[in-house]
Protein backbone atom coordinates (compact mmCIF):
# COMPACT_ATOMS: atom_id res chain seq x y z
CA UNK A 1 102.35 77.10 67.25
CA UNK A 2 99.92 76.67 70.15
CA UNK A 3 99.51 72.81 70.31
CA UNK A 4 95.73 71.78 70.04
CA UNK A 5 94.50 69.11 72.30
CA UNK A 6 92.48 66.79 70.01
CA UNK A 7 90.72 65.42 72.43
CA UNK A 8 87.69 66.21 75.24
CA UNK A 9 89.69 67.93 78.32
CA UNK A 10 87.74 69.22 81.64
CA UNK A 11 89.51 71.63 83.88
CA UNK A 12 90.41 69.76 87.67
CA UNK A 13 90.41 72.43 90.16
CA UNK A 14 90.52 70.91 93.46
CA UNK A 15 88.31 73.18 95.37
CA UNK A 16 87.13 76.71 95.67
CA UNK A 17 87.85 79.26 93.18
CA UNK A 18 86.93 83.13 91.55
CA UNK A 19 86.33 83.95 88.36
CA UNK A 20 86.98 87.76 87.87
CA UNK A 21 85.76 89.31 84.92
CA UNK A 22 87.35 93.02 83.86
CA UNK A 23 87.15 95.28 81.33
CA UNK A 24 87.05 98.66 79.28
CA UNK A 25 85.03 100.32 77.26
CA UNK A 26 87.14 102.72 74.97
CA UNK A 27 83.90 105.94 74.30
CA UNK A 28 86.08 108.27 72.75
CA UNK A 29 88.58 106.57 70.67
CA UNK A 30 90.43 109.78 69.45
CA UNK A 31 91.11 110.00 73.08
CA UNK A 32 94.48 107.57 72.96
CA UNK A 33 96.15 109.24 75.77
CA UNK A 34 93.22 108.26 77.87
CA UNK A 35 92.53 104.92 77.28
CA UNK A 36 95.67 103.48 76.30
CA UNK A 37 97.16 103.71 80.05
CA UNK A 38 94.42 101.59 81.14
CA UNK A 39 94.84 99.36 78.53
CA UNK A 40 98.90 99.22 79.70
CA UNK A 41 98.17 99.00 83.21
CA UNK A 42 96.05 96.09 83.03
CA UNK A 43 99.03 94.02 81.12
CA UNK A 44 101.52 95.19 84.08
CA UNK A 45 99.33 94.12 86.89
CA UNK A 46 98.70 90.50 84.73
CA UNK A 47 102.59 90.31 84.47
CA UNK A 48 102.62 91.41 87.85
CA UNK A 49 100.78 88.28 88.95
CA UNK A 50 102.05 86.03 86.59
CA UNK A 51 105.90 86.16 88.52
CA UNK A 52 104.28 85.96 91.88
CA UNK A 53 102.95 82.05 92.28
CA UNK A 54 101.85 82.99 95.85
CA UNK A 55 99.38 85.66 95.12
CA UNK A 56 96.20 83.21 94.32
CA UNK A 57 96.09 84.32 90.92
CA UNK A 58 95.54 81.20 88.73
CA UNK A 59 95.58 82.45 85.14
CA UNK A 60 93.59 84.69 82.27
CA UNK A 61 92.39 85.15 79.09
CA UNK A 62 91.94 88.24 77.15
CA UNK A 63 89.91 89.41 74.25
CA UNK A 64 90.39 93.07 72.65
CA UNK A 65 88.01 95.42 70.63
CA UNK A 66 86.01 98.72 71.25
CA UNK A 67 85.47 96.61 74.72
CA UNK A 68 88.53 94.44 75.94
CA UNK A 69 87.62 92.03 78.62
CA UNK A 70 89.75 90.20 80.95
CA UNK A 71 88.92 86.65 82.66
CA UNK A 72 91.25 86.08 85.62
CA UNK A 73 90.83 82.82 87.61
CA UNK A 74 92.24 82.77 91.36
CA UNK A 75 92.42 80.53 94.30
CA UNK A 76 90.40 82.54 96.40
CA UNK A 77 88.11 86.17 97.20
CA UNK A 78 90.31 86.95 99.58
CA UNK A 79 93.60 86.64 97.70
CA UNK A 80 92.08 88.74 94.70
CA UNK A 81 91.00 91.30 97.49
CA UNK A 82 94.43 91.42 98.88
CA UNK A 83 96.17 91.81 95.94
CA UNK A 84 93.68 95.23 94.95
CA UNK A 85 94.29 96.66 98.45
CA UNK A 86 98.00 96.20 98.84
CA UNK A 87 99.97 99.63 98.46
CA UNK A 88 102.79 97.91 96.86
CA UNK A 89 101.64 96.27 94.08
CA UNK A 90 100.08 97.64 90.75
CA UNK A 91 96.97 97.80 90.61
CA UNK A 92 96.40 100.90 93.43
CA UNK A 93 98.27 103.31 91.77
CA UNK A 94 96.60 102.41 88.42
CA UNK A 95 93.53 102.40 89.82
CA UNK A 96 94.27 106.22 91.49
CA UNK A 97 96.07 107.16 88.00
CA UNK A 98 92.48 106.22 86.52
CA UNK A 99 90.57 108.48 88.66
CA UNK A 100 92.85 111.67 88.65
CA UNK A 101 92.94 111.09 84.53
CA UNK A 102 89.27 110.10 83.80
CA UNK A 103 87.11 109.63 86.94
CA UNK A 104 83.57 109.84 85.67
CA UNK A 105 84.40 112.36 82.50
CA UNK A 106 82.86 109.41 79.84
CA UNK A 107 86.14 108.87 78.41
CA UNK A 108 86.71 105.31 79.23
CA UNK A 109 84.72 102.86 81.36
CA UNK A 110 85.49 100.08 83.61
CA UNK A 111 84.15 97.79 84.97
CA UNK A 112 84.47 94.36 86.93
CA UNK A 113 82.70 91.57 87.84
CA UNK A 114 83.51 88.55 90.58
CA UNK A 115 81.83 84.99 91.33
CA UNK A 116 83.27 82.60 93.95
CA UNK A 117 82.46 79.18 92.59
CA UNK A 118 82.82 76.01 94.96
CA UNK A 119 82.90 72.50 93.65
CA UNK A 120 79.91 70.93 92.37
CA UNK A 121 78.93 74.42 91.18
CA UNK A 122 80.63 74.36 87.85
CA UNK A 123 81.50 72.56 84.70
CA UNK A 124 83.54 73.25 81.62
CA UNK A 125 84.80 71.42 78.50
CA UNK A 126 87.30 72.13 75.86
CA UNK A 127 87.13 69.97 72.29
CA UNK A 128 90.03 70.63 69.88
CA UNK A 129 91.35 73.68 71.43
CA UNK A 130 94.60 74.68 73.01
CA UNK A 131 94.77 74.50 76.99
CA UNK A 132 92.04 77.09 77.69
CA UNK A 133 90.38 79.33 80.13
CA UNK A 134 89.92 77.44 83.78
CA UNK A 135 91.78 74.12 82.49
CA UNK A 136 94.51 76.51 81.36
CA UNK A 137 94.64 78.18 84.51
CA UNK A 138 94.27 75.02 86.79
CA UNK A 139 95.02 71.19 85.50
CA UNK A 140 93.55 70.00 82.18
CA UNK A 141 91.91 66.45 82.45
CA UNK A 142 90.19 64.27 80.12
CA UNK A 143 86.28 64.40 79.67
CA UNK A 144 85.63 60.99 80.07
CA UNK A 145 84.26 58.26 82.67
CA UNK A 146 82.17 60.51 85.21
CA UNK A 147 83.36 63.60 83.39
CA UNK A 148 82.12 63.49 79.70
CA UNK A 149 78.74 64.82 80.35
CA UNK A 150 77.83 68.20 81.78
CA UNK A 151 75.41 66.90 84.55
CA UNK A 152 79.10 64.16 85.15
CA UNK A 153 81.27 67.18 85.46
CA UNK A 154 79.58 69.53 87.73
CA UNK A 155 79.01 66.69 89.86
CA UNK A 156 83.04 65.54 89.77
CA UNK A 157 84.15 69.30 90.13
């Protein structure tokens, strides 16, 4: 069972990081042969990244449904981009397969957004939660003292 932390926590990142949001939208449910490979490719990429602590990948959270979303945390944009362009990793073959099988035919939509965050540009809090999000990907610390309020957390980041 997942341990619930019955206290207020925040994340201690220790520098710049990147939030990478990536997702897909199943436009034609009956075309499982089109959208299932996209979903499975993302799962393979996350496993590959989790197995490589030097990749710069810090962690991820996922949500499902018609429009599954994966929130990834990275140490730097440069490491994210290096992974995306590395011919020996899972991403480029998956992207090529998507382009061949789907491209712009409307069966499956894909998207991503990238945000670079520097110390003092973010804050977060978690209460009565398992380790989650940025606190799970980096280091969870008590949201006490100067980290008790959103203003204090954003200043302490």
